Amino acid sequence: MILIWKRAGERCLERSGLDWTVIRPGGLSEEDSRSTTEGVLVTEADQQQSNSIPRRLVAQVCLDALEQPRACGRILEITSSPAQPKQSLGQWLDQIA
């Protein structure tokens, strides 16, 4: 039920006329040490990989999205993995454009 309400809120943002970016993280992890050893995997809406992501990496992606105009008007799903090379949000947006 909660996902229905989350999506309803996203739809309100989409119709608001405001600049917006929705970041949908995988399962949140408290393991700060992972934030220095893992890369972020970014996918478009409803294509999220099943994995977790440290809260610190979620915060970094949110900050990066504020500085990346191409993130505006998009839903981005994020997880992380030690096998994933570190890339900037701009590099990810180039790949999923």
PDB file of N, CA and C in Angstrom:
ATOM      1  N   MET A   1       0.817  -1.199   0.000  1.00  0.00           N
ATOM      2  CA  MET A   1       0.000   0.000   0.000  1.00  0.00           C
ATOM      3  C   MET A   1       0.861   1.264   0.000  1.00  0.00           C
ATOM      4  N   ILE A   2       1.988   1.195   0.718  1.00  0.00           N
ATOM      5  CA  ILE A   2       2.833   2.389   0.806  1.00  0.00           C
ATOM      6  C   ILE A   2       3.380   2.792  -0.562  1.00  0.00           C
ATOM      7  N   LEU A   3       3.666   1.801  -1.423  1.00  0.00           N
ATOM      8  CA  LEU A   3       4.184   2.129  -2.756  1.00  0.00           C
ATOM      9  C   LEU A   3       3.153   2.875  -3.592  1.00  0.00           C
ATOM     10  N   ILE A   4       1.885   2.571  -3.382  1.00  0.00           N
ATOM     11  CA  ILE A   4       0.818   3.283  -4.095  1.00  0.00           C
ATOM     12  C   ILE A   4       0.837   4.759  -3.703  1.00  0.00           C
ATOM     13  N   TRP A   5       0.994   5.039  -2.402  1.00  0.00           N
ATOM     14  CA  TRP A   5       1.007   6.429  -1.933  1.00  0.00           C
ATOM     15  C   TRP A   5       2.278   7.148  -2.368  1.00  0.00           C
ATOM     16  N   LYS A   6       3.394   6.432  -2.375  1.00  0.00           N
ATOM     17  CA  LYS A   6       4.634   7.053  -2.870  1.00  0.00           C
ATOM     18  C   LYS A   6       4.473   7.454  -4.329  1.00  0.00           C
ATOM     19  N   ARG A   7       3.904   6.560  -5.137  1.00  0.00           N
ATOM     20  CA  ARG A   7       3.721   6.863  -6.560  1.00  0.00           C
ATOM     21  C   ARG A   7       2.741   8.024  -6.741  1.00  0.00           C
ATOM     22  N   ALA A   8       1.717   8.095  -5.911  1.00  0.00           N
ATOM     23  CA  ALA A   8       0.765   9.213  -5.984  1.00  0.00           C
ATOM     24  C   ALA A   8       1.488  10.533  -5.729  1.00  0.00           C
ATOM     25  N   GLY A   9       2.402  10.551  -4.760  1.00  0.00           N
ATOM     26  CA  GLY A   9       3.191  11.756  -4.492  1.00  0.00           C
ATOM     27  C   GLY A   9       4.085  12.120  -5.667  1.00  0.00           C
ATOM     28  N   GLU A  10       4.674  11.101  -6.301  1.00  0.00           N
ATOM     29  CA  GLU A  10       5.517  11.360  -7.477  1.00  0.00           C
ATOM     30  C   GLU A  10       4.695  11.954  -8.618  1.00  0.00           C
ATOM     31  N   ARG A  11       3.503  11.437  -8.804  1.00  0.00           N
ATOM     32  CA  ARG A  11       2.641  11.979  -9.874  1.00  0.00           C
ATOM     33  C   ARG A  11       2.296  13.447  -9.612  1.00  0.00           C
ATOM     34  N   CYS A  12       2.068  13.792  -8.349  1.00  0.00           N
ATOM     35  CA  CYS A  12       1.803  15.197  -8.009  1.00  0.00           C
ATOM     36  C   CYS A  12       2.998  16.066  -8.381  1.00  0.00           C
ATOM     37  N   LEU A  13       4.205  15.594  -8.084  1.00  0.00           N
ATOM     38  CA  LEU A  13       5.411  16.334  -8.476  1.00  0.00           C
ATOM     39  C   LEU A  13       5.491  16.487  -9.986  1.00  0.00           C
ATOM     40  N   GLU A  14       5.229  15.400 -10.710  1.00  0.00           N
ATOM     41  CA  GLU A  14       5.319  15.424 -12.171  1.00  0.00           C
ATOM     42  C   GLU A  14       4.375  16.456 -12.780  1.00  0.00           C
ATOM     43  N   ARG A  15       3.213  16.619 -12.177  1.00  0.00           N
ATOM     44  CA  ARG A  15       2.212  17.553 -12.712  1.00  0.00           C
ATOM     45  C   ARG A  15       2.334  18.964 -12.143  1.00  0.00           C
ATOM     46  N   SER A  16       3.260  19.175 -11.226  1.00  0.00           N
ATOM     47  CA  SER A  16       3.330  20.435 -10.480  1.00  0.00           C
ATOM     48  C   SER A  16       3.872  21.620 -11.273  1.00  0.00           C
ATOM     49  N   GLY A  17       4.603  21.353 -12.335  1.00  0.00           N
ATOM     50  CA  GLY A  17       5.256  22.441 -13.051  1.00  0.00           C
ATOM     51  C   GLY A  17       6.591  22.828 -12.435  1.00  0.00           C
ATOM     52  N   LEU A  18       6.955  22.205 -11.328  1.00  0.00           N
ATOM     53  CA  LEU A  18       8.244  22.456 -10.671  1.00  0.00           C
ATOM     54  C   LEU A  18       9.341  21.609 -11.311  1.00  0.00           C
ATOM     55  N   ASP A  19      10.579  22.011 -11.110  1.00  0.00           N
ATOM     56  CA  ASP A  19      11.704  21.147 -11.461  1.00  0.00           C
ATOM     57  C   ASP A  19      11.793  20.067 -10.387  1.00  0.00           C
ATOM     58  N   TRP A  20      11.934  18.822 -10.792  1.00  0.00           N
ATOM     59  CA  TRP A  20      11.957  17.733  -9.821  1.00  0.00           C
ATOM     60  C   TRP A  20      12.841  16.594 -10.309  1.00  0.00           C
ATOM     61  N   THR A  21      13.346  15.843  -9.361  1.00  0.00           N
ATOM     62  CA  THR A  21      14.031  14.576  -9.589  1.00  0.00           C
ATOM     63  C   THR A  21      13.628  13.662  -8.444  1.00  0.00           C
ATOM     64  N   VAL A  22      13.212  12.455  -8.766  1.00  0.00           N
ATOM     65  CA  VAL A  22      12.885  11.466  -7.743  1.00  0.00           C
ATOM     66  C   VAL A  22      14.031  10.465  -7.694  1.00  0.00           C
ATOM     67  N   ILE A  23      14.587  10.267  -6.517  1.00  0.00           N
ATOM     68  CA  ILE A  23      15.631   9.268  -6.291  1.00  0.00           C
ATOM     69  C   ILE A  23      14.984   8.122  -5.516  1.00  0.00           C
ATOM     70  N   ARG A  24      14.997   6.934  -6.104  1.00  0.00           N
ATOM     71  CA  ARG A  24      14.439   5.750  -5.446  1.00  0.00           C
ATOM     72  C   ARG A  24      15.589   4.814  -5.069  1.00  0.00           C
ATOM     73  N   PRO A  25      16.029   4.843  -3.822  1.00  0.00           N
ATOM     74  CA  PRO A  25      17.124   3.953  -3.421  1.00  0.00           C
ATOM     75  C   PRO A  25      16.625   2.535  -3.155  1.00  0.00           C
ATOM     76  N   GLY A  26      17.547   1.583  -3.313  1.00  0.00           N
ATOM     77  CA  GLY A  26      17.259   0.215  -2.880  1.00  0.00           C
ATOM     78  C   GLY A  26      17.212   0.187  -1.363  1.00  0.00           C
ATOM     79  N   GLY A  27      17.343  -0.986  -0.793  1.00  0.00           N
ATOM     80  CA  GLY A  27      17.346  -1.101   0.665  1.00  0.00           C
ATOM     81  C   GLY A  27      18.462  -0.268   1.268  1.00  0.00           C
ATOM     82  N   LEU A  28      18.150   0.525   2.267  1.00  0.00           N
ATOM     83  CA  LEU A  28      19.139   1.426   2.858  1.00  0.00           C
ATOM     84  C   LEU A  28      20.030   0.691   3.852  1.00  0.00           C
ATOM     85  N   SER A  29      21.326   0.962   3.761  1.00  0.00           N
ATOM     86  CA  SER A  29      22.316   0.330   4.628  1.00  0.00           C
ATOM     87  C   SER A  29      22.978   1.379   5.509  1.00  0.00           C
ATOM     88  N   GLU A  30      23.282   0.990   6.720  1.00  0.00           N
ATOM     89  CA  GLU A  30      23.994   1.868   7.659  1.00  0.00           C
ATOM     90  C   GLU A  30      25.507   1.687   7.565  1.00  0.00           C
ATOM     91  N   GLU A  31      25.976   0.812   6.684  1.00  0.00           N
ATOM     92  CA  GLU A  31      27.398   0.488   6.587  1.00  0.00           C
ATOM     93  C   GLU A  31      28.156   1.585   5.838  1.00  0.00           C
ATOM     94  N   ASP A  32      28.611   2.597   6.576  1.00  0.00           N
ATOM     95  CA  ASP A  32      29.330   3.717   5.961  1.00  0.00           C
ATOM     96  C   ASP A  32      30.588   3.274   5.231  1.00  0.00           C
ATOM     97  N   SER A  33      31.235   2.215   5.696  1.00  0.00           N
ATOM     98  CA  SER A  33      32.474   1.766   5.056  1.00  0.00           C
ATOM     99  C   SER A  33      32.236   1.356   3.605  1.00  0.00           C
ATOM    100  N   ARG A  34      31.034   0.911   3.280  1.00  0.00           N
ATOM    101  CA  ARG A  34      30.714   0.530   1.901  1.00  0.00           C
ATOM    102  C   ARG A  34      30.701   1.731   0.966  1.00  0.00           C
ATOM    103  N   SER A  35      30.474   2.915   1.494  1.00  0.00           N
ATOM    104  CA  SER A  35      30.349   4.097   0.631  1.00  0.00           C
ATOM    105  C   SER A  35      31.661   4.456  -0.052  1.00  0.00           C
ATOM    106  N   THR A  36      32.776   3.975   0.463  1.00  0.00           N
ATOM    107  CA  THR A  36      34.069   4.260  -0.176  1.00  0.00           C
ATOM    108  C   THR A  36      34.529   3.129  -1.079  1.00  0.00           C
ATOM    109  N   THR A  37      33.894   1.974  -0.995  1.00  0.00           N
ATOM    110  CA  THR A  37      34.350   0.818  -1.775  1.00  0.00           C
ATOM    111  C   THR A  37      33.374   0.389  -2.859  1.00  0.00           C
ATOM    112  N   GLU A  38      32.190   0.963  -2.888  1.00  0.00           N
ATOM    113  CA  GLU A  38      31.179   0.545  -3.852  1.00  0.00           C
ATOM    114  C   GLU A  38      30.822   1.667  -4.810  1.00  0.00           C
ATOM    115  N   GLY A  39      30.487   1.272  -6.035  1.00  0.00           N
ATOM    116  CA  GLY A  39      29.984   2.215  -7.019  1.00  0.00           C
ATOM    117  C   GLY A  39      28.465   2.166  -7.049  1.00  0.00           C
ATOM    118  N   VAL A  40      27.859   3.234  -7.494  1.00  0.00           N
ATOM    119  CA  VAL A  40      26.400   3.335  -7.572  1.00  0.00           C
ATOM    120  C   VAL A  40      25.936   2.833  -8.933  1.00  0.00           C
ATOM    121  N   LEU A  41      24.861   2.067  -8.933  1.00  0.00           N
ATOM    122  CA  LEU A  41      24.215   1.620 -10.163  1.00  0.00           C
ATOM    123  C   LEU A  41      22.933   2.427 -10.312  1.00  0.00           C
ATOM    124  N   VAL A  42      22.806   3.169 -11.409  1.00  0.00           N
ATOM    125  CA  VAL A  42      21.643   4.025 -11.659  1.00  0.00           C
ATOM    126  C   VAL A  42      20.838   3.427 -12.802  1.00  0.00           C
ATOM    127  N   THR A  43      19.530   3.282 -12.603  1.00  0.00           N
ATOM    128  CA  THR A  43      18.640   2.820 -13.666  1.00  0.00           C
ATOM    129  C   THR A  43      17.431   3.750 -13.735  1.00  0.00           C
ATOM    130  N   GLU A  44      16.696   3.636 -14.829  1.00  0.00           N
ATOM    131  CA  GLU A  44      15.467   4.414 -14.993  1.00  0.00           C
ATOM    132  C   GLU A  44      14.371   3.843 -14.092  1.00  0.00           C
ATOM    133  N   ALA A  45      13.240   4.501 -14.065  1.00  0.00           N
ATOM    134  CA  ALA A  45      12.108   4.095 -13.229  1.00  0.00           C
ATOM    135  C   ALA A  45      11.709   2.648 -13.494  1.00  0.00           C
ATOM    136  N   ASP A  46      11.412   1.951 -12.416  1.00  0.00           N
ATOM    137  CA  ASP A  46      10.897   0.582 -12.445  1.00  0.00           C
ATOM    138  C   ASP A  46      11.863  -0.437 -13.041  1.00  0.00           C
ATOM    139  N   GLN A  47      13.161  -0.144 -12.988  1.00  0.00           N
ATOM    140  CA  GLN A  47      14.169  -1.081 -13.481  1.00  0.00           C
ATOM    141  C   GLN A  47      15.250  -1.335 -12.430  1.00  0.00           C
ATOM    142  N   GLN A  48      14.932  -1.108 -11.184  1.00  0.00           N
ATOM    143  CA  GLN A  48      15.924  -1.193 -10.113  1.00  0.00           C
ATOM    144  C   GLN A  48      16.458  -2.608  -9.935  1.00  0.00           C
ATOM    145  N   GLN A  49      17.766  -2.684  -9.728  1.00  0.00           N
ATOM    146  CA  GLN A  49      18.408  -3.945  -9.369  1.00  0.00           C
ATOM    147  C   GLN A  49      18.104  -4.222  -7.899  1.00  0.00           C
ATOM    148  N   SER A  50      17.982  -5.489  -7.543  1.00  0.00           N
ATOM    149  CA  SER A  50      17.692  -5.805  -6.137  1.00  0.00           C
ATOM    150  C   SER A  50      19.001  -5.840  -5.358  1.00  0.00           C
ATOM    151  N   ASN A  51      19.273  -4.771  -4.686  1.00  0.00           N
ATOM    152  CA  ASN A  51      20.472  -4.645  -3.876  1.00  0.00           C
ATOM    153  C   ASN A  51      20.256  -3.490  -2.905  1.00  0.00           C
ATOM    154  N   SER A  52      21.154  -3.343  -1.980  1.00  0.00           N
ATOM    155  CA  SER A  52      21.055  -2.240  -1.025  1.00  0.00           C
ATOM    156  C   SER A  52      22.052  -1.144  -1.402  1.00  0.00           C
ATOM    157  N   ILE A  53      22.010  -0.064  -0.631  1.00  0.00           N
ATOM    158  CA  ILE A  53      22.903   1.066  -0.873  1.00  0.00           C
ATOM    159  C   ILE A  53      23.107   1.810   0.454  1.00  0.00           C
ATOM    160  N   PRO A  54      24.348   2.179   0.768  1.00  0.00           N
ATOM    161  CA  PRO A  54      24.580   2.953   1.994  1.00  0.00           C
ATOM    162  C   PRO A  54      23.889   4.323   1.930  1.00  0.00           C
ATOM    163  N   ARG A  55      23.375   4.756   3.044  1.00  0.00           N
ATOM    164  CA  ARG A  55      22.699   6.063   3.108  1.00  0.00           C
ATOM    165  C   ARG A  55      23.611   7.194   2.620  1.00  0.00           C
ATOM    166  N   ARG A  56      24.881   7.084   2.915  1.00  0.00           N
ATOM    167  CA  ARG A  56      25.832   8.118   2.509  1.00  0.00           C
ATOM    168  C   ARG A  56      25.904   8.241   0.977  1.00  0.00           C
ATOM    169  N   LEU A  57      25.834   7.111   0.262  1.00  0.00           N
ATOM    170  CA  LEU A  57      25.836   7.157  -1.204  1.00  0.00           C
ATOM    171  C   LEU A  57      24.531   7.745  -1.737  1.00  0.00           C
ATOM    172  N   VAL A  58      23.414   7.456  -1.068  1.00  0.00           N
ATOM    173  CA  VAL A  58      22.138   8.061  -1.469  1.00  0.00           C
ATOM    174  C   VAL A  58      22.240   9.580  -1.350  1.00  0.00           C
ATOM    175  N   ALA A  59      22.784  10.055  -0.243  1.00  0.00           N
ATOM    176  CA  ALA A  59      22.943  11.500  -0.047  1.00  0.00           C
ATOM    177  C   ALA A  59      23.825  12.102  -1.136  1.00  0.00           C
ATOM    178  N   GLN A  60      24.896  11.403  -1.517  1.00  0.00           N
ATOM    179  CA  GLN A  60      25.790  11.913  -2.557  1.00  0.00           C
ATOM    180  C   GLN A  60      25.074  12.014  -3.900  1.00  0.00           C
ATOM    181  N   VAL A  61      24.267  11.003  -4.238  1.00  0.00           N
ATOM    182  CA  VAL A  61      23.514  11.048  -5.497  1.00  0.00           C
ATOM    183  C   VAL A  61      22.523  12.211  -5.473  1.00  0.00           C
ATOM    184  N   CYS A  62      21.877  12.452  -4.343  1.00  0.00           N
ATOM    185  CA  CYS A  62      20.938  13.581  -4.236  1.00  0.00           C
ATOM    186  C   CYS A  62      21.656  14.906  -4.471  1.00  0.00           C
ATOM    187  N   LEU A  63      22.825  15.076  -3.882  1.00  0.00           N
ATOM    188  CA  LEU A  63      23.603  16.302  -4.100  1.00  0.00           C
ATOM    189  C   LEU A  63      24.026  16.427  -5.558  1.00  0.00           C
ATOM    190  N   ASP A  64      24.475  15.324  -6.151  1.00  0.00           N
ATOM    191  CA  ASP A  64      24.884  15.347  -7.556  1.00  0.00           C
ATOM    192  C   ASP A  64      23.711  15.713  -8.463  1.00  0.00           C
ATOM    193  N   ALA A  65      22.517  15.210  -8.141  1.00  0.00           N
ATOM    194  CA  ALA A  65      21.333  15.499  -8.957  1.00  0.00           C
ATOM    195  C   ALA A  65      20.999  16.989  -8.947  1.00  0.00           C
ATOM    196  N   LEU A  66      21.258  17.662  -7.829  1.00  0.00           N
ATOM    197  CA  LEU A  66      21.007  19.105  -7.756  1.00  0.00           C
ATOM    198  C   LEU A  66      21.889  19.886  -8.725  1.00  0.00           C
ATOM    199  N   GLU A  67      23.067  19.355  -9.011  1.00  0.00           N
ATOM    200  CA  GLU A  67      24.020  20.040  -9.892  1.00  0.00           C
ATOM    201  C   GLU A  67      23.977  19.521 -11.321  1.00  0.00           C
ATOM    202  N   GLN A  68      23.116  18.564 -11.612  1.00  0.00           N
ATOM    203  CA  GLN A  68      23.070  17.939 -12.928  1.00  0.00           C
ATOM    204  C   GLN A  68      21.719  18.242 -13.589  1.00  0.00           C
ATOM    205  N   PRO A  69      21.667  19.232 -14.485  1.00  0.00           N
ATOM    206  CA  PRO A  69      20.386  19.602 -15.094  1.00  0.00           C
ATOM    207  C   PRO A  69      19.672  18.440 -15.793  1.00  0.00           C
ATOM    208  N   ARG A  70      20.434  17.478 -16.312  1.00  0.00           N
ATOM    209  CA  ARG A  70      19.803  16.353 -17.013  1.00  0.00           C
ATOM    210  C   ARG A  70      19.066  15.404 -16.072  1.00  0.00           C
ATOM    211  N   ALA A  71      19.253  15.562 -14.775  1.00  0.00           N
ATOM    212  CA  ALA A  71      18.514  14.740 -13.810  1.00  0.00           C
ATOM    213  C   ALA A  71      17.096  15.275 -13.605  1.00  0.00           C
ATOM    214  N   CYS A  72      16.864  16.508 -13.994  1.00  0.00           N
ATOM    215  CA  CYS A  72      15.572  17.157 -13.789  1.00  0.00           C
ATOM    216  C   CYS A  72      14.473  16.440 -14.585  1.00  0.00           C
ATOM    217  N   GLY A  73      13.355  16.201 -13.924  1.00  0.00           N
ATOM    218  CA  GLY A  73      12.216  15.578 -14.587  1.00  0.00           C
ATOM    219  C   GLY A  73      12.367  14.077 -14.770  1.00  0.00           C
ATOM    220  N   ARG A  74      13.213  13.455 -13.951  1.00  0.00           N
ATOM    221  CA  ARG A  74      13.459  12.017 -14.102  1.00  0.00           C
ATOM    222  C   ARG A  74      13.296  11.288 -12.777  1.00  0.00           C
ATOM    223  N   ILE A  75      12.951  10.022 -12.892  1.00  0.00           N
ATOM    224  CA  ILE A  75      12.945   9.111 -11.752  1.00  0.00           C
ATOM    225  C   ILE A  75      14.164   8.218 -11.911  1.00  0.00           C
ATOM    226  N   LEU A  76      15.037   8.228 -10.905  1.00  0.00           N
ATOM    227  CA  LEU A  76      16.264   7.443 -10.944  1.00  0.00           C
ATOM    228  C   LEU A  76      16.256   6.435  -9.801  1.00  0.00           C
ATOM    229  N   GLU A  77      16.476   5.184 -10.126  1.00  0.00           N
ATOM    230  CA  GLU A  77      16.554   4.134  -9.118  1.00  0.00           C
ATOM    231  C   GLU A  77      18.022   3.811  -8.896  1.00  0.00           C
ATOM    232  N   ILE A  78      18.432   3.706  -7.636  1.00  0.00           N
ATOM    233  CA  ILE A  78      19.852   3.521  -7.338  1.00  0.00           C
ATOM    234  C   ILE A  78      20.081   2.393  -6.336  1.00  0.00           C
ATOM    235  N   THR A  79      21.130   1.631  -6.587  1.00  0.00           N
ATOM    236  CA  THR A  79      21.663   0.641  -5.656  1.00  0.00           C
ATOM    237  C   THR A  79      23.179   0.756  -5.744  1.00  0.00           C
ATOM    238  N   SER A  80      23.894  -0.087  -5.016  1.00  0.00           N
ATOM    239  CA  SER A  80      25.356  -0.057  -5.112  1.00  0.00           C
ATOM    240  C   SER A  80      25.908  -1.474  -5.046  1.00  0.00           C
ATOM    241  N   SER A  81      27.160  -1.594  -5.495  1.00  0.00           N
ATOM    242  CA  SER A  81      27.811  -2.901  -5.523  1.00  0.00           C
ATOM    243  C   SER A  81      29.317  -2.712  -5.532  1.00  0.00           C
ATOM    244  N   PRO A  82      30.067  -3.616  -4.884  1.00  0.00           N
ATOM    245  CA  PRO A  82      31.524  -3.529  -4.941  1.00  0.00           C
ATOM    246  C   PRO A  82      32.046  -3.792  -6.357  1.00  0.00           C
ATOM    247  N   ALA A  83      31.275  -4.512  -7.163  1.00  0.00           N
ATOM    248  CA  ALA A  83      31.689  -4.811  -8.537  1.00  0.00           C
ATOM    249  C   ALA A  83      31.444  -3.639  -9.487  1.00  0.00           C
ATOM    250  N   GLN A  84      30.695  -2.653  -9.023  1.00  0.00           N
ATOM    251  CA  GLN A  84      30.329  -1.514  -9.871  1.00  0.00           C
ATOM    252  C   GLN A  84      31.412  -0.443  -9.824  1.00  0.00           C
ATOM    253  N   PRO A  85      31.985  -0.075 -10.987  1.00  0.00           N
ATOM    254  CA  PRO A  85      32.974   1.011 -10.968  1.00  0.00           C
ATOM    255  C   PRO A  85      32.318   2.334 -10.568  1.00  0.00           C
ATOM    256  N   LYS A  86      33.089   3.180  -9.920  1.00  0.00           N
ATOM    257  CA  LYS A  86      32.573   4.498  -9.530  1.00  0.00           C
ATOM    258  C   LYS A  86      32.432   5.367 -10.779  1.00  0.00           C
ATOM    259  N   GLN A  87      31.258   5.973 -10.937  1.00  0.00           N
ATOM    260  CA  GLN A  87      30.977   6.881 -12.045  1.00  0.00           C
ATOM    261  C   GLN A  87      30.183   8.061 -11.507  1.00  0.00           C
ATOM    262  N   SER A  88      30.304   9.181 -12.185  1.00  0.00           N
ATOM    263  CA  SER A  88      29.512  10.349 -11.798  1.00  0.00           C
ATOM    264  C   SER A  88      28.071  10.159 -12.269  1.00  0.00           C
ATOM    265  N   LEU A  89      27.164  10.922 -11.694  1.00  0.00           N
ATOM    266  CA  LEU A  89      25.776  10.864 -12.134  1.00  0.00           C
ATOM    267  C   LEU A  89      25.673  11.269 -13.601  1.00  0.00           C
ATOM    268  N   GLY A  90      26.470  12.244 -14.016  1.00  0.00           N
ATOM    269  CA  GLY A  90      26.472  12.656 -15.420  1.00  0.00           C
ATOM    270  C   GLY A  90      26.837  11.511 -16.352  1.00  0.00           C
ATOM    271  N   GLN A  91      27.823  10.708 -15.961  1.00  0.00           N
ATOM    272  CA  GLN A  91      28.204   9.546 -16.772  1.00  0.00           C
ATOM    273  C   GLN A  91      27.056   8.541 -16.854  1.00  0.00           C
ATOM    274  N   TRP A  92      26.364   8.335 -15.742  1.00  0.00           N
ATOM    275  CA  TRP A  92      25.223   7.427 -15.756  1.00  0.00           C
ATOM    276  C   TRP A  92      24.117   7.952 -16.664  1.00  0.00           C
ATOM    277  N   LEU A  93      23.856   9.233 -16.587  1.00  0.00           N
ATOM    278  CA  LEU A  93      22.791   9.803 -17.414  1.00  0.00           C
ATOM    279  C   LEU A  93      23.134   9.685 -18.892  1.00  0.00           C
ATOM    280  N   ASP A  94      24.416   9.763 -19.237  1.00  0.00           N
ATOM    281  CA  ASP A  94      24.831   9.534 -20.626  1.00  0.00           C
ATOM    282  C   ASP A  94      24.464   8.123 -21.070  1.00  0.00           C
ATOM    283  N   GLN A  95      24.615   7.160 -20.187  1.00  0.00           N
ATOM    284  CA  GLN A  95      24.374   5.760 -20.528  1.00  0.00           C
ATOM    285  C   GLN A  95      22.895   5.413 -20.618  1.00  0.00           C
ATOM    286  N   ILE A  96      22.070   6.037 -19.793  1.00  0.00           N
ATOM    287  CA  ILE A  96      20.652   5.668 -19.769  1.00  0.00           C
ATOM    288  C   ILE A  96      19.772   6.653 -20.525  1.00  0.00           C
ATOM    289  N   ALA A  97      20.384   7.630 -21.170  1.00  0.00           N
ATOM    290  CA  ALA A  97      19.617   8.620 -21.928  1.00  0.00           C
ATOM    291  C   ALA A  97      18.867   7.908 -22.999  1.00  0.00           C
TER     292      ALA A  97
END
